[in-house]
Amino acid sequence: MGETDAEGGDWWLRLVTWWPYSEQWLVVSIAALVHAISLWGPCLIFTLIDKMRWLEDCKLPRERKHMDPKLPKNISRDWDAFIEQIFGTVLLVPLFVYLIFPTFDLVGISIARPAPSLTEMASHMALMILGCDFLFYWFHRAFHHPWLYRFHKKHHEYKATNVWASEYFDVVDIVFNILPGVIPGLVIRTHFVSLMLFTLVRGWQTATSHAGYDLWFDPFNRGIFDGCARRHDFHHSHNAGCYGDWTPFWDYVAGTDGDYRAYWEERERAATAKKNGIHAG
């Protein structure tokens, strides 16, 4: 397949042929770059939005004192998260990808094959989102069990969502946050390009669900993903239910969104009463 297909114009095969090192290091390098873009890009964007006070109408409520991002302990934690994200970007993620690379051969994924069609990428993206949503819910819920919460409680030092909390995890916890984004792709034997596209999208979705903004224009916060940011913000502020990732489906099926729905129903009733009171006055 090698030279003939590469000369035929397939951009991915040309890249694989040109790469002077092993396929393993190609995968590690691309995955590390994609992870860095999907993590640091949103972090910088939302930090700028916050500093410039843009999208104030999209900000999620910060009703309790300890939720104030300007508290010294919260600012200090942001710096800790910043340093840890550097560590994760430079060492942890590349090491993780290096170690799991043999599973590509094990499940029959060949790196040196033509780039996927748009139809294949779209269908595989949908399957990976569904698989990730299922696995993340159950992994996340398991880590709230008293036996495992010791590995997850660090992430819950953030009592309100903050973009810098996106990867503020214990090492064990972060591995089980990565796996739901990898396992579905391995199961369906997706192309590495499709897996990286999914990784890029998941990085954005993870960042926006932690950013503290309920963005009306974000496609991964509306439609079947409706309320993703609000649900995860409630999970941090109340530490009750809302274990899901992409969609509210598994929380609804398993009945772990009752507190969340009651909270927002009460807020909406209070807002309506306040509005009616103003109009009556």
Protein backbone atom coordinates (compact mmCIF):
# COMPACT_ATOMS: atom_id res chain seq x y z
CA MET A 1 0.00 0.00 0.00
CA GLY A 2 2.79 2.39 1.05
CA GLU A 3 4.36 4.36 -1.81
CA THR A 4 1.63 3.85 -4.43
CA ASP A 5 -1.16 5.10 -2.19
CA ALA A 6 0.97 7.91 -0.83
CA GLU A 7 1.78 9.08 -4.34
CA GLY A 8 -1.94 8.87 -5.15
CA GLY A 9 -2.59 12.04 -3.20
CA ASP A 10 -3.88 10.87 0.18
CA TRP A 11 -2.69 13.56 2.59
CA TRP A 12 -2.57 11.27 5.61
CA LEU A 13 -0.48 8.59 3.88
CA ARG A 14 1.89 11.28 2.62
CA LEU A 15 2.34 12.45 6.22
CA VAL A 16 2.94 8.90 7.49
CA THR A 17 5.46 8.28 4.68
CA TRP A 18 7.25 11.58 5.30
CA TRP A 19 7.47 11.13 9.09
CA PRO A 20 11.11 10.12 9.84
CA TYR A 21 10.42 8.27 13.10
CA SER A 22 8.20 5.39 14.17
CA GLU A 23 4.41 5.38 13.85
CA GLN A 24 4.24 5.27 17.64
CA TRP A 25 6.03 8.61 17.91
CA LEU A 26 3.85 10.05 15.15
CA VAL A 27 0.74 9.13 17.15
CA VAL A 28 2.22 10.49 20.39
CA SER A 29 3.26 13.77 18.73
CA ILE A 30 -0.08 14.42 17.04
CA ALA A 31 -2.12 13.40 20.09
CA ALA A 32 -0.04 15.65 22.35
CA LEU A 33 -0.47 18.58 19.94
CA VAL A 34 -4.23 18.05 19.59
CA HIS A 35 -4.60 17.77 23.36
CA ALA A 36 -2.60 20.97 23.89
CA ILE A 37 -4.75 22.90 21.39
CA SER A 38 -8.02 21.56 22.80
CA LEU A 39 -6.98 22.40 26.37
CA TRP A 40 -4.98 25.61 26.23
CA GLY A 41 -7.03 27.24 23.46
CA PRO A 42 -10.31 27.30 25.44
CA CYS A 43 -8.46 28.17 28.67
CA LEU A 44 -6.97 31.28 27.08
CA ILE A 45 -10.23 32.19 25.31
CA PHE A 46 -12.36 32.00 28.46
CA THR A 47 -9.73 33.75 30.57
CA LEU A 48 -9.85 36.64 28.08
CA ILE A 49 -13.66 36.61 28.06
CA ASP A 50 -13.67 36.79 31.85
CA LYS A 51 -11.09 39.59 32.04
CA MET A 52 -12.86 41.65 29.38
CA ARG A 53 -16.27 40.98 30.99
CA TRP A 54 -17.72 39.71 27.74
CA LEU A 55 -20.79 37.44 27.64
CA GLU A 56 -21.87 38.57 31.11
CA ASP A 57 -25.46 37.56 30.30
CA CYS A 58 -24.26 33.96 29.84
CA LYS A 59 -22.51 33.71 33.21
CA LEU A 60 -23.80 31.03 35.54
CA PRO A 61 -24.89 32.11 39.06
CA ARG A 62 -22.27 32.42 41.80
CA GLU A 63 -24.55 32.60 44.82
CA ARG A 64 -22.29 31.38 47.61
CA LYS A 65 -19.28 33.22 48.95
CA HIS A 66 -16.86 30.34 48.44
CA MET A 67 -17.80 30.30 44.74
CA ASP A 68 -16.24 33.74 44.17
CA PRO A 69 -13.31 33.21 41.75
CA LYS A 70 -11.55 36.27 43.22
CA LEU A 71 -11.10 34.70 46.66
CA PRO A 72 -7.36 34.24 47.40
CA LYS A 73 -7.71 30.47 47.86
CA ASN A 74 -9.47 30.17 44.49
CA ILE A 75 -6.85 32.28 42.72
CA SER A 76 -4.12 30.14 44.30
CA ARG A 77 -5.89 26.99 43.10
CA ASP A 78 -6.02 28.38 39.57
CA TRP A 79 -2.24 28.73 39.64
CA ASP A 80 -1.91 25.16 40.91
CA ALA A 81 -4.16 24.00 38.06
CA PHE A 82 -2.10 26.02 35.57
CA ILE A 83 1.12 24.30 36.68
CA GLU A 84 -0.54 20.88 36.62
CA GLN A 85 -1.83 21.46 33.10
CA ILE A 86 1.72 22.17 31.96
CA PHE A 87 2.78 18.87 33.56
CA GLY A 88 -0.13 17.06 31.90
CA THR A 89 0.56 18.56 28.48
CA VAL A 90 4.30 17.95 28.49
CA LEU A 91 4.50 14.58 30.25
CA LEU A 92 1.30 12.83 31.37
CA VAL A 93 -0.68 12.82 28.11
CA PRO A 94 2.29 11.90 25.86
CA LEU A 95 3.20 9.09 28.28
CA PHE A 96 -0.39 7.81 28.35
CA VAL A 97 -0.61 7.76 24.54
CA TYR A 98 2.80 6.08 24.28
CA LEU A 99 1.69 3.32 26.66
CA ILE A 100 -1.67 2.62 25.01
CA PHE A 101 -0.31 2.66 21.44
CA PRO A 102 0.11 -1.17 21.33
CA THR A 103 -3.67 -1.51 21.73
CA PHE A 104 -4.04 -0.03 18.22
CA ASP A 105 -2.39 -3.13 16.74
CA LEU A 106 -4.22 -5.34 19.22
CA VAL A 107 -7.66 -4.24 17.99
CA GLY A 108 -6.62 -4.03 14.35
CA ILE A 109 -6.19 -0.29 13.81
CA SER A 110 -3.59 0.47 11.16
CA ILE A 111 -2.04 3.94 11.22
CA ALA A 112 -0.85 3.68 7.62
CA ARG A 113 -4.22 3.58 5.87
CA PRO A 114 -5.93 6.26 3.76
CA ALA A 115 -7.67 9.13 5.52
CA PRO A 116 -11.35 8.48 6.30
CA SER A 117 -14.17 9.95 4.23
CA LEU A 118 -16.35 12.70 5.66
CA THR A 119 -19.22 10.22 5.96
CA GLU A 120 -17.09 7.78 7.94
CA MET A 121 -15.77 10.54 10.19
CA ALA A 122 -19.27 11.85 10.90
CA SER A 123 -20.69 8.41 11.70
CA HIS A 124 -17.72 7.48 13.88
CA MET A 125 -17.91 10.83 15.69
CA ALA A 126 -21.54 10.11 16.56
CA LEU A 127 -20.68 6.62 17.82
CA MET A 128 -17.76 7.91 19.88
CA ILE A 129 -19.92 10.61 21.47
CA LEU A 130 -22.54 8.01 22.42
CA GLY A 131 -19.92 5.61 23.78
CA CYS A 132 -18.08 8.34 25.67
CA ASP A 133 -21.33 9.62 27.17
CA PHE A 134 -22.17 6.14 28.49
CA LEU A 135 -18.72 5.32 29.87
CA PHE A 136 -18.10 8.74 31.40
CA TYR A 137 -21.39 8.67 33.29
CA TRP A 138 -20.68 5.33 34.94
CA PHE A 139 -16.98 5.97 35.58
CA HIS A 140 -17.77 9.38 37.04
CA ARG A 141 -20.60 8.04 39.19
CA ALA A 142 -18.32 5.25 40.44
CA PHE A 143 -15.73 7.81 41.52
CA HIS A 144 -18.36 9.41 43.75
CA HIS A 145 -18.61 6.17 45.72
CA PRO A 146 -16.87 6.55 49.12
CA TRP A 147 -14.29 3.91 48.19
CA LEU A 148 -13.16 5.85 45.10
CA TYR A 149 -13.97 9.46 45.99
CA ARG A 150 -10.49 9.88 47.49
CA PHE A 151 -9.22 9.98 43.89
CA HIS A 152 -11.91 12.44 42.75
CA LYS A 153 -12.21 14.88 45.64
CA LYS A 154 -9.32 17.00 44.35
CA HIS A 155 -11.39 17.96 41.30
CA HIS A 156 -14.19 19.04 43.65
CA GLU A 157 -11.98 21.55 45.40
CA TYR A 158 -13.54 23.78 42.75
CA LYS A 159 -16.97 24.59 44.20
CA ALA A 160 -17.96 26.27 40.94
CA THR A 161 -16.93 25.50 37.39
CA ASN A 162 -13.82 27.26 36.19
CA VAL A 163 -12.05 26.64 32.90
CA TRP A 164 -8.82 25.93 34.78
CA ALA A 165 -10.56 23.04 36.55
CA SER A 166 -10.85 21.17 33.24
CA GLU A 167 -7.91 18.91 34.05
CA TYR A 168 -7.39 19.56 37.75
CA PHE A 169 -7.41 15.89 38.77
CA ASP A 170 -5.64 13.22 40.73
CA VAL A 171 -3.54 11.08 38.33
CA VAL A 172 -5.84 8.05 38.76
CA ASP A 173 -8.89 10.23 38.16
CA ILE A 174 -7.51 11.81 35.00
CA VAL A 175 -6.77 8.38 33.49
CA PHE A 176 -10.41 7.40 33.99
CA ASN A 177 -11.46 10.72 32.46
CA ILE A 178 -9.37 10.03 29.36
CA LEU A 179 -10.47 6.42 28.85
CA PRO A 180 -14.12 7.18 27.92
CA GLY A 181 -12.76 9.27 25.06
CA VAL A 182 -10.48 6.49 23.81
CA ILE A 183 -12.27 3.17 24.37
CA PRO A 184 -15.20 3.77 21.94
CA GLY A 185 -12.78 4.62 19.14
CA LEU A 186 -10.80 1.44 19.79
CA VAL A 187 -13.97 -0.67 19.87
CA ILE A 188 -15.20 0.58 16.49
CA ARG A 189 -11.62 0.61 15.12
CA THR A 190 -11.90 4.18 13.99
CA HIS A 191 -9.21 5.92 11.97
CA PHE A 192 -6.62 7.82 14.00
CA VAL A 193 -7.65 11.03 12.22
CA SER A 194 -11.26 10.55 13.36
CA LEU A 195 -10.07 9.85 16.90
CA MET A 196 -8.08 13.09 16.92
CA LEU A 197 -11.05 15.06 15.60
CA PHE A 198 -13.14 13.60 18.40
CA THR A 199 -10.39 14.47 20.91
CA LEU A 200 -10.39 18.06 19.68
CA VAL A 201 -14.17 18.37 19.99
CA ARG A 202 -14.21 16.65 23.38
CA GLY A 203 -11.53 19.05 24.63
CA TRP A 204 -13.73 22.00 23.69
CA GLN A 205 -16.79 20.37 25.25
CA THR A 206 -14.90 19.65 28.48
CA ALA A 207 -13.61 23.21 28.67
CA THR A 208 -17.00 24.81 28.00
CA SER A 209 -18.70 22.59 30.58
CA HIS A 210 -16.17 23.92 33.11
CA ALA A 211 -16.00 27.53 31.95
CA GLY A 212 -18.91 28.86 34.01
CA TYR A 213 -20.82 30.18 30.99
CA ASP A 214 -24.13 28.88 29.62
CA LEU A 215 -23.41 29.67 25.97
CA TRP A 216 -26.55 29.88 23.86
CA PHE A 217 -24.53 29.65 20.63
CA ASP A 218 -22.44 26.59 21.55
CA PRO A 219 -23.78 23.58 19.58
CA PHE A 220 -22.50 21.25 22.32
CA ASN A 221 -24.60 23.07 24.91
CA ARG A 222 -27.91 22.96 23.03
CA GLY A 223 -30.16 20.42 21.32
CA ILE A 224 -29.47 16.90 22.57
CA PHE A 225 -26.60 18.36 24.63
CA ASP A 226 -28.88 20.97 26.22
CA GLY A 227 -27.72 22.40 29.53
CA CYS A 228 -24.33 20.68 29.56
CA ALA A 229 -22.63 23.66 31.23
CA ARG A 230 -25.45 24.23 33.72
CA ARG A 231 -25.54 20.56 34.71
CA HIS A 232 -21.83 20.34 35.38
CA ASP A 233 -21.80 23.65 37.22
CA PHE A 234 -24.53 22.30 39.52
CA HIS A 235 -22.48 19.13 40.00
CA HIS A 236 -19.56 21.22 41.29
CA SER A 237 -21.58 23.62 43.43
CA HIS A 238 -23.84 21.01 45.04
CA ASN A 239 -21.87 17.78 44.53
CA ALA A 240 -25.16 16.01 43.89
CA GLY A 241 -25.94 13.99 40.76
CA CYS A 242 -25.39 15.26 37.22
CA TYR A 243 -22.63 12.76 36.49
CA GLY A 244 -23.17 12.86 32.73
CA ASP A 245 -20.81 14.26 30.14
CA TRP A 246 -22.31 15.11 26.77
CA THR A 247 -26.04 14.61 27.29
CA PRO A 248 -28.52 14.46 30.19
CA PHE A 249 -29.70 11.02 29.05
CA TRP A 250 -28.01 8.77 31.61
CA ASP A 251 -28.75 11.10 34.51
CA TYR A 252 -32.40 11.05 33.46
CA VAL A 253 -32.52 7.26 33.03
CA ALA A 254 -30.71 6.59 36.32
CA GLY A 255 -32.62 9.28 38.21
CA THR A 256 -29.55 11.27 39.25
CA ASP A 257 -30.76 14.66 38.03
CA GLY A 258 -33.63 15.24 40.49
CA ASP A 259 -31.79 17.76 42.67
CA TYR A 260 -30.61 19.65 39.58
CA ARG A 261 -34.10 19.90 38.08
CA ALA A 262 -35.59 20.99 41.43
CA TYR A 263 -32.90 23.67 41.80
CA TRP A 264 -33.50 25.22 38.39
CA GLU A 265 -37.27 24.97 38.69
CA GLU A 266 -37.06 26.92 41.95
CA ARG A 267 -34.80 29.54 40.34
CA GLU A 268 -37.20 29.93 37.43
CA ARG A 269 -40.18 30.29 39.79
CA ALA A 270 -38.32 32.93 41.79
CA ALA A 271 -37.35 34.81 38.63
CA THR A 272 -40.95 34.72 37.36
CA ALA A 273 -42.30 35.93 40.71
CA LYS A 274 -39.76 38.75 40.78
CA LYS A 275 -40.62 39.76 37.22
CA ASN A 276 -44.37 39.71 37.94
CA GLY A 277 -43.80 41.73 41.10
CA ILE A 278 -41.92 44.38 39.17
CA HIS A 279 -44.64 44.56 36.52
CA ALA A 280 -47.34 44.74 39.20
CA GLY A 281 -45.53 47.58 40.89
